[in-house]
Amino acid sequence: WYRQAPGKQRELVAAVTRSGSTNYADSVKGRFTISRDNAKNT
């Protein structure tokens, strides 16, 4: 997931691998959670 606010560059928010490893922007750590359902490709 990326986000872009008005007048700002697009920035990475969070990422998740197929195996479930995650990475977060410092600004959202502890507040946002990324997850995926591989069976639903979602």
Full PDB file with SEQRES, HELIX, SHEET, SSBOND, CRYST1, ORIGX, SCALE, CONECT and MASTER records, all heavy atoms in Angstrom:
SEQRES   1 A   42  TRP TYR ARG GLN ALA PRO GLY LYS GLN ARG GLU LEU VAL          
SEQRES   2 A   42  ALA ALA VAL THR ARG SER GLY SER THR ASN TYR ALA ASP          
SEQRES   3 A   42  SER VAL LYS GLY ARG PHE THR ILE SER ARG ASP ASN ALA          
SEQRES   4 A   42  LYS ASN THR                                                  
HELIX    1 AA1 ASP A   26  VAL A   28  5                                   3    
SHEET    1 AA1 2 ALA A  14  VAL A  16  0                                        
SHEET    2 AA1 2 THR A  22  TYR A  24 -1                                        
CRYST1    1.000    1.000    1.000  90.00  90.00  90.00 P 1           1          
ORIGX1      1.000000  0.000000  0.000000        0.00000                         
ORIGX2      0.000000  1.000000  0.000000        0.00000                         
ORIGX3      0.000000  0.000000  1.000000        0.00000                         
SCALE1      1.000000  0.000000  0.000000        0.00000                         
SCALE2      0.000000  1.000000  0.000000        0.00000                         
SCALE3      0.000000  0.000000  1.000000        0.00000                         
ATOM      1  N   TRP A   1       0.855  -1.179   0.000  1.00  0.00           N  
ATOM      2  CA  TRP A   1       0.000   0.000   0.000  1.00  0.00           C  
ATOM      3  C   TRP A   1       0.898   1.237   0.000  1.00  0.00           C  
ATOM      4  O   TRP A   1       1.841   1.326   0.799  1.00  0.00           O  
ATOM      5  CB  TRP A   1      -0.903   0.031   1.226  1.00  0.00           C  
ATOM      6  CG  TRP A   1      -2.001  -0.968   1.191  1.00  0.00           C  
ATOM      7  CD1 TRP A   1      -2.028  -2.206   1.767  1.00  0.00           C  
ATOM      8  CD2 TRP A   1      -3.269  -0.806   0.527  1.00  0.00           C  
ATOM      9  NE1 TRP A   1      -3.223  -2.829   1.502  1.00  0.00           N  
ATOM     10  CE2 TRP A   1      -4.000  -1.984   0.744  1.00  0.00           C  
ATOM     11  CE3 TRP A   1      -3.846   0.216  -0.224  1.00  0.00           C  
ATOM     12  CZ2 TRP A   1      -5.290  -2.183   0.240  1.00  0.00           C  
ATOM     13  CZ3 TRP A   1      -5.110   0.027  -0.723  1.00  0.00           C  
ATOM     14  CH2 TRP A   1      -5.831  -1.152  -0.491  1.00  0.00           C  
ATOM     15  N   TYR A   2       0.582   2.161  -0.896  1.00  0.00           N  
ATOM     16  CA  TYR A   2       1.213   3.467  -0.935  1.00  0.00           C  
ATOM     17  C   TYR A   2       0.127   4.513  -0.687  1.00  0.00           C  
ATOM     18  O   TYR A   2      -1.068   4.226  -0.801  1.00  0.00           O  
ATOM     19  CB  TYR A   2       1.850   3.724  -2.305  1.00  0.00           C  
ATOM     20  CG  TYR A   2       3.145   3.015  -2.553  1.00  0.00           C  
ATOM     21  CD1 TYR A   2       3.180   1.650  -2.792  1.00  0.00           C  
ATOM     22  CD2 TYR A   2       4.351   3.711  -2.573  1.00  0.00           C  
ATOM     23  CE1 TYR A   2       4.383   0.992  -3.037  1.00  0.00           C  
ATOM     24  CE2 TYR A   2       5.559   3.064  -2.818  1.00  0.00           C  
ATOM     25  CZ  TYR A   2       5.563   1.712  -3.046  1.00  0.00           C  
ATOM     26  OH  TYR A   2       6.763   1.068  -3.291  1.00  0.00           O  
ATOM     27  N   ARG A   3       0.543   5.716  -0.397  1.00  0.00           N  
ATOM     28  CA  ARG A   3      -0.411   6.821  -0.285  1.00  0.00           C  
ATOM     29  C   ARG A   3       0.217   8.102  -0.836  1.00  0.00           C  
ATOM     30  O   ARG A   3       1.435   8.257  -0.834  1.00  0.00           O  
ATOM     31  CB  ARG A   3      -0.875   7.014   1.156  1.00  0.00           C  
ATOM     32  CG  ARG A   3       0.208   7.514   2.108  1.00  0.00           C  
ATOM     33  CD  ARG A   3      -0.333   7.554   3.529  1.00  0.00           C  
ATOM     34  NE  ARG A   3       0.648   8.039   4.499  1.00  0.00           N  
ATOM     35  CZ  ARG A   3       0.474   8.049   5.801  1.00  0.00           C  
ATOM     36  NH1 ARG A   3      -0.668   7.594   6.330  1.00  0.00           N  
ATOM     37  NH2 ARG A   3       1.430   8.511   6.602  1.00  0.00           N  
ATOM     38  N   GLN A   4      -0.670   8.970  -1.282  1.00  0.00           N  
ATOM     39  CA  GLN A   4      -0.229  10.263  -1.805  1.00  0.00           C  
ATOM     40  C   GLN A   4      -1.172  11.340  -1.324  1.00  0.00           C  
ATOM     41  O   GLN A   4      -2.371  11.318  -1.654  1.00  0.00           O  
ATOM     42  CB  GLN A   4      -0.160  10.245  -3.334  1.00  0.00           C  
ATOM     43  CG  GLN A   4       0.474  11.498  -3.914  1.00  0.00           C  
ATOM     44  CD  GLN A   4       0.833  11.338  -5.373  1.00  0.00           C  
ATOM     45  OE1 GLN A   4       0.331  10.471  -6.075  1.00  0.00           O  
ATOM     46  NE2 GLN A   4       1.747  12.185  -5.846  1.00  0.00           N  
ATOM     47  N   ALA A   5      -0.627  12.248  -0.532  1.00  0.00           N  
ATOM     48  CA  ALA A   5      -1.390  13.397  -0.051  1.00  0.00           C  
ATOM     49  C   ALA A   5      -1.221  14.545  -1.039  1.00  0.00           C  
ATOM     50  O   ALA A   5      -0.237  14.594  -1.789  1.00  0.00           O  
ATOM     51  CB  ALA A   5      -0.896  13.801   1.331  1.00  0.00           C  
ATOM     52  N   PRO A   6      -2.162  15.492  -1.044  1.00  0.00           N  
ATOM     53  CA  PRO A   6      -2.060  16.629  -1.976  1.00  0.00           C  
ATOM     54  C   PRO A   6      -0.736  17.359  -1.822  1.00  0.00           C  
ATOM     55  O   PRO A   6      -0.319  17.699  -0.715  1.00  0.00           O  
ATOM     56  CB  PRO A   6      -3.239  17.506  -1.563  1.00  0.00           C  
ATOM     57  CG  PRO A   6      -4.213  16.564  -0.960  1.00  0.00           C  
ATOM     58  CD  PRO A   6      -3.393  15.529  -0.256  1.00  0.00           C  
ATOM     59  N   GLY A   7      -0.063  17.565  -2.943  1.00  0.00           N  
ATOM     60  CA  GLY A   7       1.198  18.298  -2.933  1.00  0.00           C  
ATOM     61  C   GLY A   7       2.391  17.532  -2.442  1.00  0.00           C  
ATOM     62  O   GLY A   7       3.479  18.098  -2.302  1.00  0.00           O  
ATOM     63  N   LYS A   8       2.210  16.249  -2.174  1.00  0.00           N  
ATOM     64  CA  LYS A   8       3.315  15.431  -1.672  1.00  0.00           C  
ATOM     65  C   LYS A   8       3.591  14.261  -2.599  1.00  0.00           C  
ATOM     66  O   LYS A   8       2.754  13.886  -3.416  1.00  0.00           O  
ATOM     67  CB  LYS A   8       3.005  14.922  -0.263  1.00  0.00           C  
ATOM     68  CG  LYS A   8       2.900  16.033   0.779  1.00  0.00           C  
ATOM     69  CD  LYS A   8       2.781  15.457   2.171  1.00  0.00           C  
ATOM     70  CE  LYS A   8       2.777  16.554   3.220  1.00  0.00           C  
ATOM     71  NZ  LYS A   8       2.685  16.000   4.603  1.00  0.00           N  
ATOM     72  N   GLN A   9       4.773  13.682  -2.443  1.00  0.00           N  
ATOM     73  CA  GLN A   9       5.120  12.513  -3.236  1.00  0.00           C  
ATOM     74  C   GLN A   9       4.424  11.266  -2.703  1.00  0.00           C  
ATOM     75  O   GLN A   9       4.077  11.171  -1.522  1.00  0.00           O  
ATOM     76  CB  GLN A   9       6.644  12.308  -3.204  1.00  0.00           C  
ATOM     77  CG  GLN A   9       7.426  13.335  -3.983  1.00  0.00           C  
ATOM     78  CD  GLN A   9       8.904  12.975  -4.091  1.00  0.00           C  
ATOM     79  OE1 GLN A   9       9.441  12.259  -3.245  1.00  0.00           O  
ATOM     80  NE2 GLN A   9       9.554  13.446  -5.144  1.00  0.00           N  
ATOM     81  N   ARG A  10       4.216  10.321  -3.581  1.00  0.00           N  
ATOM     82  CA  ARG A  10       3.661   9.039  -3.172  1.00  0.00           C  
ATOM     83  C   ARG A  10       4.683   8.334  -2.271  1.00  0.00           C  
ATOM     84  O   ARG A  10       5.872   8.316  -2.570  1.00  0.00           O  
ATOM     85  CB  ARG A  10       3.343   8.181  -4.398  1.00  0.00           C  
ATOM     86  CG  ARG A  10       2.497   6.988  -4.106  1.00  0.00           C  
ATOM     87  CD  ARG A  10       2.027   6.314  -5.395  1.00  0.00           C  
ATOM     88  NE  ARG A  10       1.168   7.192  -6.177  1.00  0.00           N  
ATOM     89  CZ  ARG A  10       0.491   6.806  -7.260  1.00  0.00           C  
ATOM     90  NH1 ARG A  10       0.580   5.531  -7.671  1.00  0.00           N  
ATOM     91  NH2 ARG A  10      -0.253   7.643  -7.928  1.00  0.00           N  
ATOM     92  N   GLU A  11       4.190   7.755  -1.189  1.00  0.00           N  
ATOM     93  CA  GLU A  11       5.084   7.107  -0.234  1.00  0.00           C  
ATOM     94  C   GLU A  11       4.592   5.712   0.131  1.00  0.00           C  
ATOM     95  O   GLU A  11       3.378   5.457   0.146  1.00  0.00           O  
ATOM     96  CB  GLU A  11       5.206   7.943   1.054  1.00  0.00           C  
ATOM     97  CG  GLU A  11       3.912   8.109   1.820  1.00  0.00           C  
ATOM     98  CD  GLU A  11       4.091   8.858   3.140  1.00  0.00           C  
ATOM     99  OE1 GLU A  11       5.221   9.229   3.492  1.00  0.00           O  
ATOM    100  OE2 GLU A  11       3.076   9.052   3.831  1.00  0.00           O  
ATOM    101  N   LEU A  12       5.534   4.845   0.432  1.00  0.00           N  
ATOM    102  CA  LEU A  12       5.197   3.495   0.862  1.00  0.00           C  
ATOM    103  C   LEU A  12       4.611   3.535   2.275  1.00  0.00           C  
ATOM    104  O   LEU A  12       5.174   4.163   3.167  1.00  0.00           O  
ATOM    105  CB  LEU A  12       6.437   2.612   0.854  1.00  0.00           C  
ATOM    106  CG  LEU A  12       6.252   1.195   1.376  1.00  0.00           C  
ATOM    107  CD1 LEU A  12       5.350   0.389   0.462  1.00  0.00           C  
ATOM    108  CD2 LEU A  12       7.604   0.506   1.540  1.00  0.00           C  
ATOM    109  N   VAL A  13       3.496   2.860   2.453  1.00  0.00           N  
ATOM    110  CA  VAL A  13       2.860   2.753   3.766  1.00  0.00           C  
ATOM    111  C   VAL A  13       3.208   1.414   4.412  1.00  0.00           C  
ATOM    112  O   VAL A  13       3.662   1.359   5.555  1.00  0.00           O  
ATOM    113  CB  VAL A  13       1.336   2.887   3.650  1.00  0.00           C  
ATOM    114  CG1 VAL A  13       0.673   2.682   5.010  1.00  0.00           C  
ATOM    115  CG2 VAL A  13       0.965   4.252   3.075  1.00  0.00           C  
ATOM    116  N   ALA A  14       2.975   0.331   3.672  1.00  0.00           N  
ATOM    117  CA  ALA A  14       3.240  -0.999   4.207  1.00  0.00           C  
ATOM    118  C   ALA A  14       3.328  -1.991   3.068  1.00  0.00           C  
ATOM    119  O   ALA A  14       2.762  -1.763   1.996  1.00  0.00           O  
ATOM    120  CB  ALA A  14       2.137  -1.423   5.178  1.00  0.00           C  
ATOM    121  N   ALA A  15       4.044  -3.088   3.314  1.00  0.00           N  
ATOM    122  CA  ALA A  15       4.189  -4.128   2.305  1.00  0.00           C  
ATOM    123  C   ALA A  15       4.172  -5.483   2.996  1.00  0.00           C  
ATOM    124  O   ALA A  15       4.553  -5.609   4.166  1.00  0.00           O  
ATOM    125  CB  ALA A  15       5.482  -3.956   1.518  1.00  0.00           C  
ATOM    126  N   VAL A  16       3.736  -6.495   2.245  1.00  0.00           N  
ATOM    127  CA  VAL A  16       3.685  -7.860   2.783  1.00  0.00           C  
ATOM    128  C   VAL A  16       4.073  -8.833   1.680  1.00  0.00           C  
ATOM    129  O   VAL A  16       3.669  -8.694   0.527  1.00  0.00           O  
ATOM    130  CB  VAL A  16       2.284  -8.172   3.346  1.00  0.00           C  
ATOM    131  CG1 VAL A  16       1.205  -8.061   2.278  1.00  0.00           C  
ATOM    132  CG2 VAL A  16       2.251  -9.541   4.010  1.00  0.00           C  
ATOM    133  N   THR A  17       4.902  -9.815   2.044  1.00  0.00           N  
ATOM    134  CA  THR A  17       5.289 -10.843   1.090  1.00  0.00           C  
ATOM    135  C   THR A  17       4.267 -11.977   1.091  1.00  0.00           C  
ATOM    136  O   THR A  17       3.398 -12.052   1.971  1.00  0.00           O  
ATOM    137  CB  THR A  17       6.658 -11.427   1.433  1.00  0.00           C  
ATOM    138  OG1 THR A  17       6.558 -12.154   2.672  1.00  0.00           O  
ATOM    139  CG2 THR A  17       7.708 -10.335   1.574  1.00  0.00           C  
ATOM    140  N   ARG A  18       4.395 -12.867   0.134  1.00  0.00           N  
ATOM    141  CA  ARG A  18       3.485 -14.008   0.059  1.00  0.00           C  
ATOM    142  C   ARG A  18       3.557 -14.861   1.325  1.00  0.00           C  
ATOM    143  O   ARG A  18       2.553 -15.415   1.764  1.00  0.00           O  
ATOM    144  CB  ARG A  18       3.810 -14.856  -1.175  1.00  0.00           C  
ATOM    145  CG  ARG A  18       2.959 -16.107  -1.316  1.00  0.00           C  
ATOM    146  CD  ARG A  18       3.207 -16.786  -2.643  1.00  0.00           C  
ATOM    147  NE  ARG A  18       2.595 -16.055  -3.741  1.00  0.00           N  
ATOM    148  CZ  ARG A  18       1.315 -16.181  -4.110  1.00  0.00           C  
ATOM    149  NH1 ARG A  18       0.520 -17.014  -3.466  1.00  0.00           N  
ATOM    150  NH2 ARG A  18       0.851 -15.486  -5.125  1.00  0.00           N  
ATOM    151  N   SER A  19       4.746 -14.923   1.928  1.00  0.00           N  
ATOM    152  CA  SER A  19       4.919 -15.728   3.138  1.00  0.00           C  
ATOM    153  C   SER A  19       4.497 -14.997   4.402  1.00  0.00           C  
ATOM    154  O   SER A  19       4.488 -15.596   5.483  1.00  0.00           O  
ATOM    155  CB  SER A  19       6.377 -16.159   3.280  1.00  0.00           C  
ATOM    156  OG  SER A  19       7.215 -15.029   3.419  1.00  0.00           O  
ATOM    157  N   GLY A  20       4.147 -13.707   4.279  1.00  0.00           N  
ATOM    158  CA  GLY A  20       3.627 -12.977   5.423  1.00  0.00           C  
ATOM    159  C   GLY A  20       4.582 -12.020   6.101  1.00  0.00           C  
ATOM    160  O   GLY A  20       4.216 -11.390   7.092  1.00  0.00           O  
ATOM    161  N   SER A  21       5.780 -11.869   5.585  1.00  0.00           N  
ATOM    162  CA  SER A  21       6.705 -10.891   6.152  1.00  0.00           C  
ATOM    163  C   SER A  21       6.203  -9.486   5.831  1.00  0.00           C  
ATOM    164  O   SER A  21       5.742  -9.231   4.721  1.00  0.00           O  
ATOM    165  CB  SER A  21       8.100 -11.082   5.593  1.00  0.00           C  
ATOM    166  OG  SER A  21       8.605 -12.338   5.983  1.00  0.00           O  
ATOM    167  N   THR A  22       6.301  -8.594   6.820  1.00  0.00           N  
ATOM    168  CA  THR A  22       5.739  -7.256   6.646  1.00  0.00           C  
ATOM    169  C   THR A  22       6.779  -6.167   6.863  1.00  0.00           C  
ATOM    170  O   THR A  22       7.805  -6.373   7.528  1.00  0.00           O  
ATOM    171  CB  THR A  22       4.574  -7.022   7.622  1.00  0.00           C  
ATOM    172  OG1 THR A  22       5.049  -7.215   8.964  1.00  0.00           O  
ATOM    173  CG2 THR A  22       3.428  -7.972   7.349  1.00  0.00           C  
ATOM    174  N   ASN A  23       6.465  -4.997   6.323  1.00  0.00           N  
ATOM    175  CA  ASN A  23       7.319  -3.820   6.456  1.00  0.00           C  
ATOM    176  C   ASN A  23       6.405  -2.608   6.517  1.00  0.00           C  
ATOM    177  O   ASN A  23       5.414  -2.542   5.774  1.00  0.00           O  
ATOM    178  CB  ASN A  23       8.269  -3.711   5.260  1.00  0.00           C  
ATOM    179  CG  ASN A  23       9.208  -2.541   5.393  1.00  0.00           C  
ATOM    180  OD1 ASN A  23       9.762  -2.307   6.446  1.00  0.00           O  
ATOM    181  ND2 ASN A  23       9.375  -1.785   4.319  1.00  0.00           N  
ATOM    182  N   TYR A  24       6.722  -1.671   7.422  1.00  0.00           N  
ATOM    183  CA  TYR A  24       5.865  -0.502   7.614  1.00  0.00           C  
ATOM    184  C   TYR A  24       6.675   0.787   7.594  1.00  0.00           C  
ATOM    185  O   TYR A  24       7.833   0.828   8.036  1.00  0.00           O  
ATOM    186  CB  TYR A  24       5.147  -0.572   8.967  1.00  0.00           C  
ATOM    187  CG  TYR A  24       4.172  -1.698   9.106  1.00  0.00           C  
ATOM    188  CD1 TYR A  24       4.553  -2.917   9.639  1.00  0.00           C  
ATOM    189  CD2 TYR A  24       2.848  -1.539   8.688  1.00  0.00           C  
ATOM    190  CE1 TYR A  24       3.657  -3.955   9.766  1.00  0.00           C  
ATOM    191  CE2 TYR A  24       1.935  -2.581   8.820  1.00  0.00           C  
ATOM    192  CZ  TYR A  24       2.354  -3.783   9.346  1.00  0.00           C  
ATOM    193  OH  TYR A  24       1.450  -4.817   9.463  1.00  0.00           O  
ATOM    194  N   ALA A  25       6.044   1.847   7.143  1.00  0.00           N  
ATOM    195  CA  ALA A  25       6.618   3.180   7.311  1.00  0.00           C  
ATOM    196  C   ALA A  25       6.599   3.520   8.798  1.00  0.00           C  
ATOM    197  O   ALA A  25       5.679   3.135   9.520  1.00  0.00           O  
ATOM    198  CB  ALA A  25       5.805   4.202   6.530  1.00  0.00           C  
ATOM    199  N   ASP A  26       7.602   4.259   9.230  1.00  0.00           N  
ATOM    200  CA  ASP A  26       7.680   4.613  10.650  1.00  0.00           C  
ATOM    201  C   ASP A  26       6.428   5.356  11.114  1.00  0.00           C  
ATOM    202  O   ASP A  26       5.994   5.199  12.259  1.00  0.00           O  
ATOM    203  CB  ASP A  26       8.912   5.482  10.904  1.00  0.00           C  
ATOM    204  CG  ASP A  26      10.211   4.696  10.823  1.00  0.00           C  
ATOM    205  OD1 ASP A  26      10.162   3.438  10.912  1.00  0.00           O  
ATOM    206  OD2 ASP A  26      11.273   5.318  10.662  1.00  0.00           O  
ATOM    207  N   SER A  27       5.853   6.147  10.231  1.00  0.00           N  
ATOM    208  CA  SER A  27       4.712   6.987  10.604  1.00  0.00           C  
ATOM    209  C   SER A  27       3.450   6.186  10.912  1.00  0.00           C  
ATOM    210  O   SER A  27       2.511   6.728  11.512  1.00  0.00           O  
ATOM    211  CB  SER A  27       4.417   7.995   9.499  1.00  0.00           C  
ATOM    212  OG  SER A  27       4.131   7.321   8.281  1.00  0.00           O  
ATOM    213  N   VAL A  28       3.398   4.927  10.504  1.00  0.00           N  
ATOM    214  CA  VAL A  28       2.185   4.132  10.722  1.00  0.00           C  
ATOM    215  C   VAL A  28       2.413   2.919  11.620  1.00  0.00           C  
ATOM    216  O   VAL A  28       1.456   2.213  11.953  1.00  0.00           O  
ATOM    217  CB  VAL A  28       1.560   3.665   9.388  1.00  0.00           C  
ATOM    218  CG1 VAL A  28       1.326   4.852   8.463  1.00  0.00           C  
ATOM    219  CG2 VAL A  28       2.417   2.601   8.715  1.00  0.00           C  
ATOM    220  N   LYS A  29       3.650   2.689  12.023  1.00  0.00           N  
ATOM    221  CA  LYS A  29       3.938   1.530  12.872  1.00  0.00           C  
ATOM    222  C   LYS A  29       3.128   1.587  14.153  1.00  0.00           C  
ATOM    223  O   LYS A  29       3.037   2.639  14.798  1.00  0.00           O  
ATOM    224  CB  LYS A  29       5.439   1.477  13.202  1.00  0.00           C  
ATOM    225  CG  LYS A  29       6.299   0.951  12.088  1.00  0.00           C  
ATOM    226  CD  LYS A  29       7.762   0.917  12.486  1.00  0.00           C  
ATOM    227  CE  LYS A  29       8.632   0.407  11.349  1.00  0.00           C  
ATOM    228  NZ  LYS A  29      10.080   0.443  11.684  1.00  0.00           N  
ATOM    229  N   GLY A  30       2.527   0.467  14.506  1.00  0.00           N  
ATOM    230  CA  GLY A  30       1.709   0.391  15.712  1.00  0.00           C  
ATOM    231  C   GLY A  30       0.278   0.828  15.509  1.00  0.00           C  
ATOM    232  O   GLY A  30      -0.560   0.646  16.390  1.00  0.00           O  
ATOM    233  N   ARG A  31      -0.022   1.434  14.365  1.00  0.00           N  
ATOM    234  CA  ARG A  31      -1.389   1.890  14.085  1.00  0.00           C  
ATOM    235  C   ARG A  31      -2.014   1.148  12.912  1.00  0.00           C  
ATOM    236  O   ARG A  31      -3.226   0.931  12.890  1.00  0.00           O  
ATOM    237  CB  ARG A  31      -1.392   3.390  13.791  1.00  0.00           C  
ATOM    238  CG  ARG A  31      -0.867   4.240  14.913  1.00  0.00           C  
ATOM    239  CD  ARG A  31      -1.094   5.729  14.635  1.00  0.00           C  
ATOM    240  NE  ARG A  31      -0.406   6.193  13.438  1.00  0.00           N  
ATOM    241  CZ  ARG A  31      -1.037   6.728  12.390  1.00  0.00           C  
ATOM    242  NH1 ARG A  31      -2.338   6.875  12.399  1.00  0.00           N  
ATOM    243  NH2 ARG A  31      -0.325   7.145  11.347  1.00  0.00           N  
ATOM    244  N   PHE A  32      -1.211   0.793  11.918  1.00  0.00           N  
ATOM    245  CA  PHE A  32      -1.708   0.111  10.720  1.00  0.00           C  
ATOM    246  C   PHE A  32      -1.207  -1.330  10.718  1.00  0.00           C  
ATOM    247  O   PHE A  32      -0.102  -1.620  11.171  1.00  0.00           O  
ATOM    248  CB  PHE A  32      -1.198   0.794   9.455  1.00  0.00           C  
ATOM    249  CG  PHE A  32      -1.768   2.163   9.192  1.00  0.00           C  
ATOM    250  CD1 PHE A  32      -2.523   2.853  10.130  1.00  0.00           C  
ATOM    251  CD2 PHE A  32      -1.542   2.775   7.962  1.00  0.00           C  
ATOM    252  CE1 PHE A  32      -3.039   4.111   9.870  1.00  0.00           C  
ATOM    253  CE2 PHE A  32      -2.047   4.033   7.682  1.00  0.00           C  
ATOM    254  CZ  PHE A  32      -2.793   4.703   8.642  1.00  0.00           C  
ATOM    255  N   THR A  33      -2.031  -2.206  10.148  1.00  0.00           N  
ATOM    256  CA  THR A  33      -1.650  -3.604   9.990  1.00  0.00           C  
ATOM    257  C   THR A  33      -1.970  -4.056   8.573  1.00  0.00           C  
ATOM    258  O   THR A  33      -3.110  -3.928   8.130  1.00  0.00           O  
ATOM    259  CB  THR A  33      -2.388  -4.502  10.985  1.00  0.00           C  
ATOM    260  OG1 THR A  33      -2.105  -4.075  12.329  1.00  0.00           O  
ATOM    261  CG2 THR A  33      -1.950  -5.961  10.821  1.00  0.00           C  
ATOM    262  N   ILE A  34      -0.960  -4.575   7.889  1.00  0.00           N  
ATOM    263  CA  ILE A  34      -1.167  -5.118   6.553  1.00  0.00           C  
ATOM    264  C   ILE A  34      -1.258  -6.632   6.651  1.00  0.00           C  
ATOM    265  O   ILE A  34      -0.547  -7.268   7.446  1.00  0.00           O  
ATOM    266  CB  ILE A  34      -0.033  -4.695   5.587  1.00  0.00           C  
ATOM    267  CG1 ILE A  34      -0.389  -5.067   4.142  1.00  0.00           C  
ATOM    268  CG2 ILE A  34       1.309  -5.278   6.007  1.00  0.00           C  
ATOM    269  CD1 ILE A  34       0.558  -4.457   3.112  1.00  0.00           C  
ATOM    270  N   SER A  35      -2.159  -7.203   5.866  1.00  0.00           N  
ATOM    271  CA  SER A  35      -2.304  -8.654   5.842  1.00  0.00           C  
ATOM    272  C   SER A  35      -2.769  -9.061   4.453  1.00  0.00           C  
ATOM    273  O   SER A  35      -3.156  -8.212   3.649  1.00  0.00           O  
ATOM    274  CB  SER A  35      -3.304  -9.121   6.900  1.00  0.00           C  
ATOM    275  OG  SER A  35      -4.586  -8.567   6.654  1.00  0.00           O  
ATOM    276  N   ARG A  36      -2.713 -10.353   4.170  1.00  0.00           N  
ATOM    277  CA  ARG A  36      -3.162 -10.819   2.860  1.00  0.00           C  
ATOM    278  C   ARG A  36      -3.765 -12.197   2.980  1.00  0.00           C  
ATOM    279  O   ARG A  36      -3.413 -12.978   3.869  1.00  0.00           O  
ATOM    280  CB  ARG A  36      -2.016 -10.807   1.843  1.00  0.00           C  
ATOM    281  CG  ARG A  36      -0.913 -11.774   2.114  1.00  0.00           C  
ATOM    282  CD  ARG A  36       0.293 -11.482   1.214  1.00  0.00           C  
ATOM    283  NE  ARG A  36       0.102 -11.948  -0.153  1.00  0.00           N  
ATOM    284  CZ  ARG A  36       0.965 -11.717  -1.141  1.00  0.00           C  
ATOM    285  NH1 ARG A  36       2.045 -10.969  -0.920  1.00  0.00           N  
ATOM    286  NH2 ARG A  36       0.735 -12.179  -2.363  1.00  0.00           N  
ATOM    287  N   ASP A  37      -4.668 -12.460   2.060  1.00  0.00           N  
ATOM    288  CA  ASP A  37      -5.300 -13.768   1.932  1.00  0.00           C  
ATOM    289  C   ASP A  37      -4.884 -14.290   0.565  1.00  0.00           C  
ATOM    290  O   ASP A  37      -5.430 -13.861  -0.458  1.00  0.00           O  
ATOM    291  CB  ASP A  37      -6.817 -13.634   2.047  1.00  0.00           C  
ATOM    292  CG  ASP A  37      -7.530 -14.970   2.010  1.00  0.00           C  
ATOM    293  OD1 ASP A  37      -6.995 -15.933   1.413  1.00  0.00           O  
ATOM    294  OD2 ASP A  37      -8.632 -15.056   2.562  1.00  0.00           O  
ATOM    295  N   ASN A  38      -3.915 -15.180   0.535  1.00  0.00           N  
ATOM    296  CA  ASN A  38      -3.393 -15.663  -0.744  1.00  0.00           C  
ATOM    297  C   ASN A  38      -4.443 -16.438  -1.534  1.00  0.00           C  
ATOM    298  O   ASN A  38      -4.438 -16.418  -2.765  1.00  0.00           O  
ATOM    299  CB  ASN A  38      -2.155 -16.530  -0.513  1.00  0.00           C  
ATOM    300  CG  ASN A  38      -0.970 -15.718  -0.012  1.00  0.00           C  
ATOM    301  OD1 ASN A  38      -0.806 -14.551  -0.383  1.00  0.00           O  
ATOM    302  ND2 ASN A  38      -0.154 -16.315   0.842  1.00  0.00           N  
ATOM    303  N   ALA A  39      -5.331 -17.098  -0.847  1.00  0.00           N  
ATOM    304  CA  ALA A  39      -6.382 -17.857  -1.544  1.00  0.00           C  
ATOM    305  C   ALA A  39      -7.333 -16.929  -2.300  1.00  0.00           C  
ATOM    306  O   ALA A  39      -7.883 -17.297  -3.335  1.00  0.00           O  
ATOM    307  CB  ALA A  39      -7.155 -18.710  -0.555  1.00  0.00           C  
ATOM    308  N   LYS A  40      -7.509 -15.717  -1.764  1.00  0.00           N  
ATOM    309  CA  LYS A  40      -8.395 -14.743  -2.405  1.00  0.00           C  
ATOM    310  C   LYS A  40      -7.625 -13.696  -3.192  1.00  0.00           C  
ATOM    311  O   LYS A  40      -8.236 -12.772  -3.740  1.00  0.00           O  
ATOM    312  CB  LYS A  40      -9.248 -14.050  -1.337  1.00  0.00           C  
ATOM    313  CG  LYS A  40     -10.207 -14.972  -0.615  1.00  0.00           C  
ATOM    314  CD  LYS A  40     -11.037 -14.188   0.402  1.00  0.00           C  
ATOM    315  CE  LYS A  40     -12.021 -15.101   1.113  1.00  0.00           C  
ATOM    316  NZ  LYS A  40     -12.838 -14.355   2.110  1.00  0.00           N  
ATOM    317  N   ASN A  41      -6.291 -13.799  -3.194  1.00  0.00           N  
ATOM    318  CA  ASN A  41      -5.450 -12.807  -3.893  1.00  0.00           C  
ATOM    319  C   ASN A  41      -5.804 -11.394  -3.461  1.00  0.00           C  
ATOM    320  O   ASN A  41      -5.932 -10.479  -4.284  1.00  0.00           O  
ATOM    321  CB  ASN A  41      -5.587 -12.959  -5.404  1.00  0.00           C  
ATOM    322  CG  ASN A  41      -5.142 -14.319  -5.895  1.00  0.00           C  
ATOM    323  OD1 ASN A  41      -4.052 -14.790  -5.558  1.00  0.00           O  
ATOM    324  ND2 ASN A  41      -6.001 -14.974  -6.659  1.00  0.00           N  
ATOM    325  N   THR A  42      -5.968 -11.224  -2.182  1.00  0.00           N  
ATOM    326  CA  THR A  42      -6.411  -9.950  -1.623  1.00  0.00           C  
ATOM    327  C   THR A  42      -5.468  -9.516  -0.508  1.00  0.00           C  
ATOM    328  O   THR A  42      -5.048 -10.344   0.311  1.00  0.00           O  
ATOM    329  CB  THR A  42      -7.846 -10.065  -1.093  1.00  0.00           C  
ATOM    330  OG1 THR A  42      -8.713 -10.424  -2.174  1.00  0.00           O  
ATOM    331  CG2 THR A  42      -8.311  -8.749  -0.491  1.00  0.00           C  
TER     332      THR A  42                                                      
MASTER        0    0    0    1    2    0    0    6  331    1    0    4          
END                                                                             
